[in-house]
Amino acid sequence: MRKPVPNCWVVVHHEFIGLPAESRVDVIQCHVATSLAKAEAYFRRRYTSAHGWWQIHAHRIDDETCTNDGLEVCFYSHRGTRLTRPPIARAREAFFRDVARNPDWYRARKR
């Protein structure tokens, strides 16, 4: 009988960045945890702006078949609320609200 292959949980941060005319989503894998609860605890201790969100997905450790890799995916708002899908439209709106509040920050700088 084979031993079950353990999972690891990968925490990914997504955020709109760039100048308003050329904004894009930046994605950073920022943490690996041994359980979903520990992965959630990681990002709940962090701050992200309203134009960001979190994603956690499971991977099987040392599983060469890759049949179950990343199938279980969870999305969370910037405040840690669990969601059914990524909040791309809400985050884009929040990004442009931030641009309107801080125009000097998002102004193109001469090099």
PDB file of N, CA and C in Angstrom:
ATOM      1  N   MET A   1       0.837  -1.179   0.000  1.00  0.00           N
ATOM      2  CA  MET A   1       0.000   0.000   0.000  1.00  0.00           C
ATOM      3  C   MET A   1       0.884   1.246   0.000  1.00  0.00           C
ATOM      4  N   ARG A   2       0.552   2.178  -0.931  1.00  0.00           N
ATOM      5  CA  ARG A   2       1.333   3.408  -1.035  1.00  0.00           C
ATOM      6  C   ARG A   2       0.925   4.407   0.032  1.00  0.00           C
ATOM      7  N   LYS A   3       1.923   5.138   0.521  1.00  0.00           N
ATOM      8  CA  LYS A   3       1.620   6.226   1.454  1.00  0.00           C
ATOM      9  C   LYS A   3       0.971   7.370   0.687  1.00  0.00           C
ATOM     10  N   PRO A   4       0.007   8.064   1.289  1.00  0.00           N
ATOM     11  CA  PRO A   4      -0.574   9.224   0.602  1.00  0.00           C
ATOM     12  C   PRO A   4       0.464  10.320   0.429  1.00  0.00           C
ATOM     13  N   VAL A   5       0.384  10.983  -0.694  1.00  0.00           N
ATOM     14  CA  VAL A   5       1.315  12.070  -0.986  1.00  0.00           C
ATOM     15  C   VAL A   5       0.794  13.337  -0.302  1.00  0.00           C
ATOM     16  N   PRO A   6       1.619  13.977   0.522  1.00  0.00           N
ATOM     17  CA  PRO A   6       1.138  15.177   1.224  1.00  0.00           C
ATOM     18  C   PRO A   6       1.010  16.369   0.284  1.00  0.00           C
ATOM     19  N   ASN A   7       0.138  17.282   0.665  1.00  0.00           N
ATOM     20  CA  ASN A   7      -0.062  18.520  -0.082  1.00  0.00           C
ATOM     21  C   ASN A   7       0.791  19.634   0.503  1.00  0.00           C
ATOM     22  N   CYS A   8       1.086  20.608  -0.315  1.00  0.00           N
ATOM     23  CA  CYS A   8       1.569  21.887   0.173  1.00  0.00           C
ATOM     24  C   CYS A   8       0.606  22.929  -0.395  1.00  0.00           C
ATOM     25  N   TRP A   9       0.484  24.027   0.279  1.00  0.00           N
ATOM     26  CA  TRP A   9      -0.458  25.079  -0.103  1.00  0.00           C
ATOM     27  C   TRP A   9       0.342  26.312  -0.485  1.00  0.00           C
ATOM     28  N   VAL A  10       0.157  26.766  -1.707  1.00  0.00           N
ATOM     29  CA  VAL A  10       0.915  27.888  -2.243  1.00  0.00           C
ATOM     30  C   VAL A  10       0.052  29.150  -2.167  1.00  0.00           C
ATOM     31  N   VAL A  11       0.593  30.198  -1.557  1.00  0.00           N
ATOM     32  CA  VAL A  11      -0.109  31.474  -1.422  1.00  0.00           C
ATOM     33  C   VAL A  11       0.408  32.412  -2.515  1.00  0.00           C
ATOM     34  N   VAL A  12      -0.526  32.961  -3.285  1.00  0.00           N
ATOM     35  CA  VAL A  12      -0.190  33.853  -4.389  1.00  0.00           C
ATOM     36  C   VAL A  12      -0.912  35.184  -4.168  1.00  0.00           C
ATOM     37  N   HIS A  13      -0.185  36.273  -4.355  1.00  0.00           N
ATOM     38  CA  HIS A  13      -0.774  37.610  -4.241  1.00  0.00           C
ATOM     39  C   HIS A  13      -0.919  38.206  -5.640  1.00  0.00           C
ATOM     40  N   HIS A  14      -2.095  38.759  -5.938  1.00  0.00           N
ATOM     41  CA  HIS A  14      -2.372  39.430  -7.213  1.00  0.00           C
ATOM     42  C   HIS A  14      -2.670  40.895  -6.908  1.00  0.00           C
ATOM     43  N   GLU A  15      -2.225  41.802  -7.791  1.00  0.00           N
ATOM     44  CA  GLU A  15      -2.480  43.223  -7.567  1.00  0.00           C
ATOM     45  C   GLU A  15      -2.338  43.991  -8.875  1.00  0.00           C
ATOM     46  N   PHE A  16      -3.234  44.950  -9.087  1.00  0.00           N
ATOM     47  CA  PHE A  16      -3.100  45.845 -10.238  1.00  0.00           C
ATOM     48  C   PHE A  16      -1.962  46.811  -9.959  1.00  0.00           C
ATOM     49  N   ILE A  17      -1.080  46.986 -10.962  1.00  0.00           N
ATOM     50  CA  ILE A  17       0.053  47.894 -10.827  1.00  0.00           C
ATOM     51  C   ILE A  17       0.240  48.661 -12.137  1.00  0.00           C
ATOM     52  N   GLY A  18       1.136  49.621 -12.116  1.00  0.00           N
ATOM     53  CA  GLY A  18       1.514  50.344 -13.321  1.00  0.00           C
ATOM     54  C   GLY A  18       0.821  51.682 -13.460  1.00  0.00           C
ATOM     55  N   LEU A  19       1.068  52.329 -14.585  1.00  0.00           N
ATOM     56  CA  LEU A  19       0.404  53.585 -14.903  1.00  0.00           C
ATOM     57  C   LEU A  19      -1.011  53.291 -15.369  1.00  0.00           C
ATOM     58  N   PRO A  20      -1.941  54.205 -15.171  1.00  0.00           N
ATOM     59  CA  PRO A  20      -3.342  53.933 -15.510  1.00  0.00           C
ATOM     60  C   PRO A  20      -3.563  53.446 -16.939  1.00  0.00           C
ATOM     61  N   ALA A  21      -2.870  54.027 -17.903  1.00  0.00           N
ATOM     62  CA  ALA A  21      -3.073  53.629 -19.302  1.00  0.00           C
ATOM     63  C   ALA A  21      -2.462  52.270 -19.611  1.00  0.00           C
ATOM     64  N   GLU A  22      -1.543  51.827 -18.776  1.00  0.00           N
ATOM     65  CA  GLU A  22      -0.851  50.565 -19.015  1.00  0.00           C
ATOM     66  C   GLU A  22      -0.925  49.653 -17.799  1.00  0.00           C
ATOM     67  N   SER A  23      -2.011  49.708 -17.055  1.00  0.00           N
ATOM     68  CA  SER A  23      -2.111  48.907 -15.834  1.00  0.00           C
ATOM     69  C   SER A  23      -2.203  47.424 -16.183  1.00  0.00           C
ATOM     70  N   ARG A  24      -1.729  46.611 -15.256  1.00  0.00           N
ATOM     71  CA  ARG A  24      -1.737  45.165 -15.450  1.00  0.00           C
ATOM     72  C   ARG A  24      -1.780  44.492 -14.080  1.00  0.00           C
ATOM     73  N   VAL A  25      -2.037  43.203 -14.085  1.00  0.00           N
ATOM     74  CA  VAL A  25      -2.065  42.445 -12.838  1.00  0.00           C
ATOM     75  C   VAL A  25      -0.682  41.841 -12.614  1.00  0.00           C
ATOM     76  N   ASP A  26      -0.129  42.115 -11.458  1.00  0.00           N
ATOM     77  CA  ASP A  26       1.144  41.546 -11.048  1.00  0.00           C
ATOM     78  C   ASP A  26       0.840  40.352 -10.146  1.00  0.00           C
ATOM     79  N   VAL A  27       1.554  39.265 -10.342  1.00  0.00           N
ATOM     80  CA  VAL A  27       1.320  38.036  -9.588  1.00  0.00           C
ATOM     81  C   VAL A  27       2.619  37.627  -8.911  1.00  0.00           C
ATOM     82  N   ILE A  28       2.540  37.381  -7.600  1.00  0.00           N
ATOM     83  CA  ILE A  28       3.728  36.989  -6.840  1.00  0.00           C
ATOM     84  C   ILE A  28       3.388  35.786  -5.973  1.00  0.00           C
ATOM     85  N   GLN A  29       4.135  34.708  -6.157  1.00  0.00           N
ATOM     86  CA  GLN A  29       4.025  33.578  -5.240  1.00  0.00           C
ATOM     87  C   GLN A  29       4.829  33.951  -4.011  1.00  0.00           C
ATOM     88  N   CYS A  30       4.171  34.032  -2.852  1.00  0.00           N
ATOM     89  CA  CYS A  30       4.879  34.600  -1.713  1.00  0.00           C
ATOM     90  C   CYS A  30       5.032  33.680  -0.509  1.00  0.00           C
ATOM     91  N   HIS A  31       4.394  32.503  -0.516  1.00  0.00           N
ATOM     92  CA  HIS A  31       4.509  31.652   0.667  1.00  0.00           C
ATOM     93  C   HIS A  31       4.070  30.240   0.325  1.00  0.00           C
ATOM     94  N   VAL A  32       4.631  29.268   1.006  1.00  0.00           N
ATOM     95  CA  VAL A  32       4.204  27.869   0.905  1.00  0.00           C
ATOM     96  C   VAL A  32       3.938  27.390   2.324  1.00  0.00           C
ATOM     97  N   ALA A  33       2.785  26.737   2.521  1.00  0.00           N
ATOM     98  CA  ALA A  33       2.391  26.277   3.851  1.00  0.00           C
ATOM     99  C   ALA A  33       2.045  24.792   3.814  1.00  0.00           C
ATOM    100  N   THR A  34       2.006  24.181   4.983  1.00  0.00           N
ATOM    101  CA  THR A  34       1.700  22.757   5.080  1.00  0.00           C
ATOM    102  C   THR A  34       0.212  22.472   5.209  1.00  0.00           C
ATOM    103  N   SER A  35      -0.596  23.508   5.432  1.00  0.00           N
ATOM    104  CA  SER A  35      -2.044  23.305   5.531  1.00  0.00           C
ATOM    105  C   SER A  35      -2.766  24.553   5.013  1.00  0.00           C
ATOM    106  N   LEU A  36      -4.021  24.373   4.663  1.00  0.00           N
ATOM    107  CA  LEU A  36      -4.838  25.503   4.216  1.00  0.00           C
ATOM    108  C   LEU A  36      -4.992  26.527   5.333  1.00  0.00           C
ATOM    109  N   ALA A  37      -5.173  26.068   6.553  1.00  0.00           N
ATOM    110  CA  ALA A  37      -5.332  26.988   7.688  1.00  0.00           C
ATOM    111  C   ALA A  37      -4.075  27.842   7.894  1.00  0.00           C
ATOM    112  N   LYS A  38      -2.908  27.233   7.741  1.00  0.00           N
ATOM    113  CA  LYS A  38      -1.665  27.998   7.903  1.00  0.00           C
ATOM    114  C   LYS A  38      -1.456  28.970   6.750  1.00  0.00           C
ATOM    115  N   ALA A  39      -1.879  28.584   5.554  1.00  0.00           N
ATOM    116  CA  ALA A  39      -1.778  29.486   4.411  1.00  0.00           C
ATOM    117  C   ALA A  39      -2.696  30.691   4.606  1.00  0.00           C
ATOM    118  N   GLU A  40      -3.919  30.444   5.082  1.00  0.00           N
ATOM    119  CA  GLU A  40      -4.845  31.549   5.352  1.00  0.00           C
ATOM    120  C   GLU A  40      -4.314  32.443   6.459  1.00  0.00           C
ATOM    121  N   ALA A  41      -3.730  31.861   7.478  1.00  0.00           N
ATOM    122  CA  ALA A  41      -3.174  32.653   8.579  1.00  0.00           C
ATOM    123  C   ALA A  41      -2.043  33.547   8.080  1.00  0.00           C
ATOM    124  N   TYR A  42      -1.260  33.056   7.119  1.00  0.00           N
ATOM    125  CA  TYR A  42      -0.154  33.844   6.578  1.00  0.00           C
ATOM    126  C   TYR A  42      -0.659  35.157   5.995  1.00  0.00           C
ATOM    127  N   PHE A  43      -1.622  35.103   5.059  1.00  0.00           N
ATOM    128  CA  PHE A  43      -2.014  36.354   4.406  1.00  0.00           C
ATOM    129  C   PHE A  43      -2.926  37.204   5.278  1.00  0.00           C
ATOM    130  N   ARG A  44      -3.565  36.620   6.261  1.00  0.00           N
ATOM    131  CA  ARG A  44      -4.394  37.435   7.157  1.00  0.00           C
ATOM    132  C   ARG A  44      -3.548  38.282   8.095  1.00  0.00           C
ATOM    133  N   ARG A  45      -2.282  37.957   8.223  1.00  0.00           N
ATOM    134  CA  ARG A  45      -1.348  38.789   9.017  1.00  0.00           C
ATOM    135  C   ARG A  45      -0.696  39.861   8.162  1.00  0.00           C
ATOM    136  N   ARG A  46      -1.030  39.920   6.886  1.00  0.00           N
ATOM    137  CA  ARG A  46      -0.427  40.877   5.964  1.00  0.00           C
ATOM    138  C   ARG A  46      -1.459  41.912   5.523  1.00  0.00           C
ATOM    139  N   TYR A  47      -0.968  43.001   4.962  1.00  0.00           N
ATOM    140  CA  TYR A  47      -1.833  44.038   4.412  1.00  0.00           C
ATOM    141  C   TYR A  47      -1.670  44.048   2.901  1.00  0.00           C
ATOM    142  N   THR A  48      -2.765  44.211   2.196  1.00  0.00           N
ATOM    143  CA  THR A  48      -2.717  44.470   0.767  1.00  0.00           C
ATOM    144  C   THR A  48      -3.747  45.541   0.449  1.00  0.00           C
ATOM    145  N   SER A  49      -3.486  46.292  -0.584  1.00  0.00           N
ATOM    146  CA  SER A  49      -4.396  47.382  -0.957  1.00  0.00           C
ATOM    147  C   SER A  49      -5.697  46.818  -1.516  1.00  0.00           C
ATOM    148  N   ALA A  50      -6.671  47.688  -1.689  1.00  0.00           N
ATOM    149  CA  ALA A  50      -7.985  47.272  -2.186  1.00  0.00           C
ATOM    150  C   ALA A  50      -7.922  46.777  -3.623  1.00  0.00           C
ATOM    151  N   HIS A  51      -6.849  47.102  -4.342  1.00  0.00           N
ATOM    152  CA  HIS A  51      -6.748  46.612  -5.714  1.00  0.00           C
ATOM    153  C   HIS A  51      -5.896  45.336  -5.809  1.00  0.00           C
ATOM    154  N   GLY A  52      -5.858  44.589  -4.712  1.00  0.00           N
ATOM    155  CA  GLY A  52      -5.178  43.305  -4.685  1.00  0.00           C
ATOM    156  C   GLY A  52      -6.087  42.215  -4.157  1.00  0.00           C
ATOM    157  N   TRP A  53      -5.673  40.965  -4.317  1.00  0.00           N
ATOM    158  CA  TRP A  53      -6.400  39.829  -3.764  1.00  0.00           C
ATOM    159  C   TRP A  53      -5.436  38.662  -3.604  1.00  0.00           C
ATOM    160  N   TRP A  54      -5.896  37.621  -2.914  1.00  0.00           N
ATOM    161  CA  TRP A  54      -5.076  36.456  -2.606  1.00  0.00           C
ATOM    162  C   TRP A  54      -5.643  35.214  -3.282  1.00  0.00           C
ATOM    163  N   GLN A  55      -4.757  34.274  -3.549  1.00  0.00           N
ATOM    164  CA  GLN A  55      -5.152  32.979  -4.096  1.00  0.00           C
ATOM    165  C   GLN A  55      -4.329  31.915  -3.384  1.00  0.00           C
ATOM    166  N   ILE A  56      -4.962  30.808  -3.052  1.00  0.00           N
ATOM    167  CA  ILE A  56      -4.257  29.671  -2.468  1.00  0.00           C
ATOM    168  C   ILE A  56      -4.600  28.455  -3.309  1.00  0.00           C
ATOM    169  N   HIS A  57      -3.592  27.676  -3.654  1.00  0.00           N
ATOM    170  CA  HIS A  57      -3.878  26.427  -4.356  1.00  0.00           C
ATOM    171  C   HIS A  57      -2.973  25.323  -3.835  1.00  0.00           C
ATOM    172  N   ALA A  58      -3.514  24.105  -3.862  1.00  0.00           N
ATOM    173  CA  ALA A  58      -2.797  22.947  -3.336  1.00  0.00           C
ATOM    174  C   ALA A  58      -1.961  22.294  -4.427  1.00  0.00           C
ATOM    175  N   HIS A  59      -0.821  21.795  -4.014  1.00  0.00           N
ATOM    176  CA  HIS A  59       0.035  21.006  -4.906  1.00  0.00           C
ATOM    177  C   HIS A  59       0.450  19.747  -4.161  1.00  0.00           C
ATOM    178  N   ARG A  60       0.588  18.663  -4.882  1.00  0.00           N
ATOM    179  CA  ARG A  60       1.058  17.414  -4.295  1.00  0.00           C
ATOM    180  C   ARG A  60       2.587  17.442  -4.284  1.00  0.00           C
ATOM    181  N   ILE A  61       3.175  17.133  -3.153  1.00  0.00           N
ATOM    182  CA  ILE A  61       4.623  17.160  -3.019  1.00  0.00           C
ATOM    183  C   ILE A  61       5.228  15.921  -3.671  1.00  0.00           C
ATOM    184  N   ASP A  62       6.219  16.131  -4.517  1.00  0.00           N
ATOM    185  CA  ASP A  62       6.964  15.064  -5.195  1.00  0.00           C
ATOM    186  C   ASP A  62       6.068  14.092  -5.967  1.00  0.00           C
ATOM    187  N   ASP A  63       4.958  14.572  -6.485  1.00  0.00           N
ATOM    188  CA  ASP A  63       4.066  13.731  -7.289  1.00  0.00           C
ATOM    189  C   ASP A  63       4.408  13.953  -8.755  1.00  0.00           C
ATOM    190  N   GLU A  64       5.063  12.974  -9.355  1.00  0.00           N
ATOM    191  CA  GLU A  64       5.520  13.126 -10.738  1.00  0.00           C
ATOM    192  C   GLU A  64       4.392  13.025 -11.759  1.00  0.00           C
ATOM    193  N   THR A  65       3.223  12.509 -11.356  1.00  0.00           N
ATOM    194  CA  THR A  65       2.120  12.390 -12.316  1.00  0.00           C
ATOM    195  C   THR A  65       1.471  13.734 -12.602  1.00  0.00           C
ATOM    196  N   CYS A  66       1.526  14.652 -11.634  1.00  0.00           N
ATOM    197  CA  CYS A  66       0.952  16.001 -11.773  1.00  0.00           C
ATOM    198  C   CYS A  66      -0.537  15.969 -12.121  1.00  0.00           C
ATOM    199  N   THR A  67      -1.235  14.921 -11.741  1.00  0.00           N
ATOM    200  CA  THR A  67      -2.650  14.820 -12.088  1.00  0.00           C
ATOM    201  C   THR A  67      -3.540  15.680 -11.186  1.00  0.00           C
ATOM    202  N   ASN A  68      -3.124  15.916  -9.957  1.00  0.00           N
ATOM    203  CA  ASN A  68      -3.940  16.696  -9.025  1.00  0.00           C
ATOM    204  C   ASN A  68      -3.327  18.044  -8.704  1.00  0.00           C
ATOM    205  N   ASP A  69      -2.325  18.448  -9.459  1.00  0.00           N
ATOM    206  CA  ASP A  69      -1.602  19.672  -9.148  1.00  0.00           C
ATOM    207  C   ASP A  69      -2.467  20.912  -9.326  1.00  0.00           C
ATOM    208  N   GLY A  70      -2.636  21.658  -8.254  1.00  0.00           N
ATOM    209  CA  GLY A  70      -3.308  22.940  -8.316  1.00  0.00           C
ATOM    210  C   GLY A  70      -4.796  22.892  -8.595  1.00  0.00           C
ATOM    211  N   LEU A  71      -5.439  21.723  -8.425  1.00  0.00           N
ATOM    212  CA  LEU A  71      -6.864  21.629  -8.738  1.00  0.00           C
ATOM    213  C   LEU A  71      -7.730  22.336  -7.704  1.00  0.00           C
ATOM    214  N   GLU A  72      -7.332  22.299  -6.454  1.00  0.00           N
ATOM    215  CA  GLU A  72      -8.109  22.966  -5.411  1.00  0.00           C
ATOM    216  C   GLU A  72      -7.605  24.400  -5.276  1.00  0.00           C
ATOM    217  N   VAL A  73      -8.425  25.354  -5.712  1.00  0.00           N
ATOM    218  CA  VAL A  73      -8.029  26.757  -5.714  1.00  0.00           C
ATOM    219  C   VAL A  73      -9.018  27.556  -4.884  1.00  0.00           C
ATOM    220  N   CYS A  74      -8.512  28.426  -4.028  1.00  0.00           N
ATOM    221  CA  CYS A  74      -9.345  29.297  -3.199  1.00  0.00           C
ATOM    222  C   CYS A  74      -8.929  30.745  -3.467  1.00  0.00           C
ATOM    223  N   PHE A  75      -9.904  31.624  -3.602  1.00  0.00           N
ATOM    224  CA  PHE A  75      -9.643  33.049  -3.793  1.00  0.00           C
ATOM    225  C   PHE A  75     -10.134  33.816  -2.571  1.00  0.00           C
ATOM    226  N   TYR A  76      -9.440  34.907  -2.259  1.00  0.00           N
ATOM    227  CA  TYR A  76      -9.774  35.728  -1.096  1.00  0.00           C
ATOM    228  C   TYR A  76      -9.647  37.196  -1.465  1.00  0.00           C
ATOM    229  N   SER A  77     -10.499  38.013  -0.875  1.00  0.00           N
ATOM    230  CA  SER A  77     -10.426  39.456  -1.100  1.00  0.00           C
ATOM    231  C   SER A  77      -9.185  40.010  -0.409  1.00  0.00           C
ATOM    232  N   HIS A  78      -8.949  41.298  -0.601  1.00  0.00           N
ATOM    233  CA  HIS A  78      -7.804  41.939   0.049  1.00  0.00           C
ATOM    234  C   HIS A  78      -7.942  41.933   1.570  1.00  0.00           C
ATOM    235  N   ARG A  79      -9.152  41.748   2.071  1.00  0.00           N
ATOM    236  CA  ARG A  79      -9.388  41.695   3.516  1.00  0.00           C
ATOM    237  C   ARG A  79      -9.446  40.268   4.057  1.00  0.00           C
ATOM    238  N   GLY A  80      -9.354  39.269   3.168  1.00  0.00           N
ATOM    239  CA  GLY A  80      -9.327  37.884   3.622  1.00  0.00           C
ATOM    240  C   GLY A  80     -10.650  37.151   3.536  1.00  0.00           C
ATOM    241  N   THR A  81     -11.664  37.753   2.928  1.00  0.00           N
ATOM    242  CA  THR A  81     -12.954  37.091   2.763  1.00  0.00           C
ATOM    243  C   THR A  81     -12.854  36.075   1.636  1.00  0.00           C
ATOM    244  N   ARG A  82     -13.328  34.867   1.889  1.00  0.00           N
ATOM    245  CA  ARG A  82     -13.258  33.826   0.857  1.00  0.00           C
ATOM    246  C   ARG A  82     -14.243  34.129  -0.269  1.00  0.00           C
ATOM    247  N   LEU A  83     -13.804  33.939  -1.512  1.00  0.00           N
ATOM    248  CA  LEU A  83     -14.596  34.251  -2.697  1.00  0.00           C
ATOM    249  C   LEU A  83     -14.699  33.017  -3.594  1.00  0.00           C
ATOM    250  N   THR A  84     -15.666  33.031  -4.503  1.00  0.00           N
ATOM    251  CA  THR A  84     -15.824  31.913  -5.427  1.00  0.00           C
ATOM    252  C   THR A  84     -14.983  32.079  -6.692  1.00  0.00           C
ATOM    253  N   ARG A  85     -14.582  33.308  -6.985  1.00  0.00           N
ATOM    254  CA  ARG A  85     -13.748  33.574  -8.167  1.00  0.00           C
ATOM    255  C   ARG A  85     -12.904  34.823  -7.897  1.00  0.00           C
ATOM    256  N   PRO A  86     -11.888  35.049  -8.711  1.00  0.00           N
ATOM    257  CA  PRO A  86     -11.038  36.219  -8.457  1.00  0.00           C
ATOM    258  C   PRO A  86     -11.795  37.525  -8.677  1.00  0.00           C
ATOM    259  N   PRO A  87     -11.585  38.520  -7.828  1.00  0.00           N
ATOM    260  CA  PRO A  87     -12.315  39.791  -7.896  1.00  0.00           C
ATOM    261  C   PRO A  87     -11.664  40.796  -8.849  1.00  0.00           C
ATOM    262  N   ILE A  88     -11.476  40.418 -10.086  1.00  0.00           N
ATOM    263  CA  ILE A  88     -10.723  41.253 -11.029  1.00  0.00           C
ATOM    264  C   ILE A  88     -11.417  42.587 -11.288  1.00  0.00           C
ATOM    265  N   ALA A  89     -12.722  42.575 -11.564  1.00  0.00           N
ATOM    266  CA  ALA A  89     -13.434  43.831 -11.861  1.00  0.00           C
ATOM    267  C   ALA A  89     -13.423  44.759 -10.651  1.00  0.00           C
ATOM    268  N   ARG A  90     -13.659  44.219  -9.451  1.00  0.00           N
ATOM    269  CA  ARG A  90     -13.657  45.041  -8.244  1.00  0.00           C
ATOM    270  C   ARG A  90     -12.267  45.627  -7.994  1.00  0.00           C
ATOM    271  N   ALA A  91     -11.237  44.827  -8.198  1.00  0.00           N
ATOM    272  CA  ALA A  91      -9.873  45.302  -7.983  1.00  0.00           C
ATOM    273  C   ALA A  91      -9.497  46.368  -9.006  1.00  0.00           C
ATOM    274  N   ARG A  92      -9.927  46.202 -10.249  1.00  0.00           N
ATOM    275  CA  ARG A  92      -9.645  47.217 -11.280  1.00  0.00           C
ATOM    276  C   ARG A  92     -10.304  48.540 -10.895  1.00  0.00           C
ATOM    277  N   GLU A  93     -11.556  48.498 -10.440  1.00  0.00           N
ATOM    278  CA  GLU A  93     -12.244  49.724 -10.005  1.00  0.00           C
ATOM    279  C   GLU A  93     -11.511  50.363  -8.831  1.00  0.00           C
ATOM    280  N   ALA A  94     -11.062  49.548  -7.891  1.00  0.00           N
ATOM    281  CA  ALA A  94     -10.329  50.074  -6.735  1.00  0.00           C
ATOM    282  C   ALA A  94      -9.000  50.707  -7.176  1.00  0.00           C
ATOM    283  N   PHE A  95      -8.352  50.122  -8.173  1.00  0.00           N
ATOM    284  CA  PHE A  95      -7.107  50.685  -8.692  1.00  0.00           C
ATOM    285  C   PHE A  95      -7.360  52.082  -9.254  1.00  0.00           C
ATOM    286  N   PHE A  96      -8.399  52.233 -10.066  1.00  0.00           N
ATOM    287  CA  PHE A  96      -8.663  53.544 -10.659  1.00  0.00           C
ATOM    288  C   PHE A  96      -9.184  54.554  -9.629  1.00  0.00           C
ATOM    289  N   ARG A  97      -9.821  54.098  -8.563  1.00  0.00           N
ATOM    290  CA  ARG A  97     -10.168  55.000  -7.450  1.00  0.00           C
ATOM    291  C   ARG A  97      -8.891  55.508  -6.779  1.00  0.00           C
ATOM    292  N   ASP A  98      -7.927  54.613  -6.609  1.00  0.00           N
ATOM    293  CA  ASP A  98      -6.656  55.006  -6.006  1.00  0.00           C
ATOM    294  C   ASP A  98      -5.909  55.973  -6.920  1.00  0.00           C
ATOM    295  N   VAL A  99      -5.977  55.755  -8.231  1.00  0.00           N
ATOM    296  CA  VAL A  99      -5.360  56.675  -9.195  1.00  0.00           C
ATOM    297  C   VAL A  99      -5.990  58.058  -9.058  1.00  0.00           C
ATOM    298  N   ALA A 100      -7.318  58.124  -8.926  1.00  0.00           N
ATOM    299  CA  ALA A 100      -8.010  59.409  -8.799  1.00  0.00           C
ATOM    300  C   ALA A 100      -7.631  60.117  -7.489  1.00  0.00           C
ATOM    301  N   ARG A 101      -7.427  59.367  -6.412  1.00  0.00           N
ATOM    302  CA  ARG A 101      -7.062  59.958  -5.119  1.00  0.00           C
ATOM    303  C   ARG A 101      -5.604  60.401  -5.060  1.00  0.00           C
ATOM    304  N   ASN A 102      -4.740  59.711  -5.806  1.00  0.00           N
ATOM    305  CA  ASN A 102      -3.293  59.971  -5.740  1.00  0.00           C
ATOM    306  C   ASN A 102      -2.707  60.177  -7.129  1.00  0.00           C
ATOM    307  N   PRO A 103      -3.132  61.214  -7.853  1.00  0.00           N
ATOM    308  CA  PRO A 103      -2.666  61.377  -9.236  1.00  0.00           C
ATOM    309  C   PRO A 103      -1.160  61.583  -9.354  1.00  0.00           C
ATOM    310  N   ASP A 104      -0.543  62.240  -8.378  1.00  0.00           N
ATOM    311  CA  ASP A 104       0.904  62.462  -8.452  1.00  0.00           C
ATOM    312  C   ASP A 104       1.691  61.147  -8.386  1.00  0.00           C
ATOM    313  N   TRP A 105       1.197  60.208  -7.617  1.00  0.00           N
ATOM    314  CA  TRP A 105       1.870  58.921  -7.479  1.00  0.00           C
ATOM    315  C   TRP A 105       1.876  58.148  -8.805  1.00  0.00           C
ATOM    316  N   TYR A 106       0.800  58.277  -9.579  1.00  0.00           N
ATOM    317  CA  TYR A 106       0.657  57.509 -10.818  1.00  0.00           C
ATOM    318  C   TYR A 106       1.045  58.291 -12.074  1.00  0.00           C
ATOM    319  N   ARG A 107       1.606  59.485 -11.914  1.00  0.00           N
ATOM    320  CA  ARG A 107       2.043  60.263 -13.046  1.00  0.00           C
ATOM    321  C   ARG A 107       3.334  59.663 -13.606  1.00  0.00           C
ATOM    322  N   ALA A 108       3.436  59.632 -14.922  1.00  0.00           N
ATOM    323  CA  ALA A 108       4.650  59.105 -15.555  1.00  0.00           C
ATOM    324  C   ALA A 108       5.848  59.959 -15.162  1.00  0.00           C
ATOM    325  N   ARG A 109       6.895  59.335 -14.759  1.00  0.00           N
ATOM    326  CA  ARG A 109       8.113  60.042 -14.350  1.00  0.00           C
ATOM    327  C   ARG A 109       9.114  60.020 -15.491  1.00  0.00           C
ATOM    328  N   LYS A 110       9.770  61.152 -15.705  1.00  0.00           N
ATOM    329  CA  LYS A 110      10.800  61.212 -16.752  1.00  0.00           C
ATOM    330  C   LYS A 110      12.045  60.506 -16.253  1.00  0.00           C
ATOM    331  N   ARG A 111      12.697  59.834 -17.161  1.00  0.00           N
ATOM    332  CA  ARG A 111      13.934  59.117 -16.790  1.00  0.00           C
ATOM    333  C   ARG A 111      15.148  59.905 -17.086  1.00  0.00           C
TER     334      ARG A 111
END
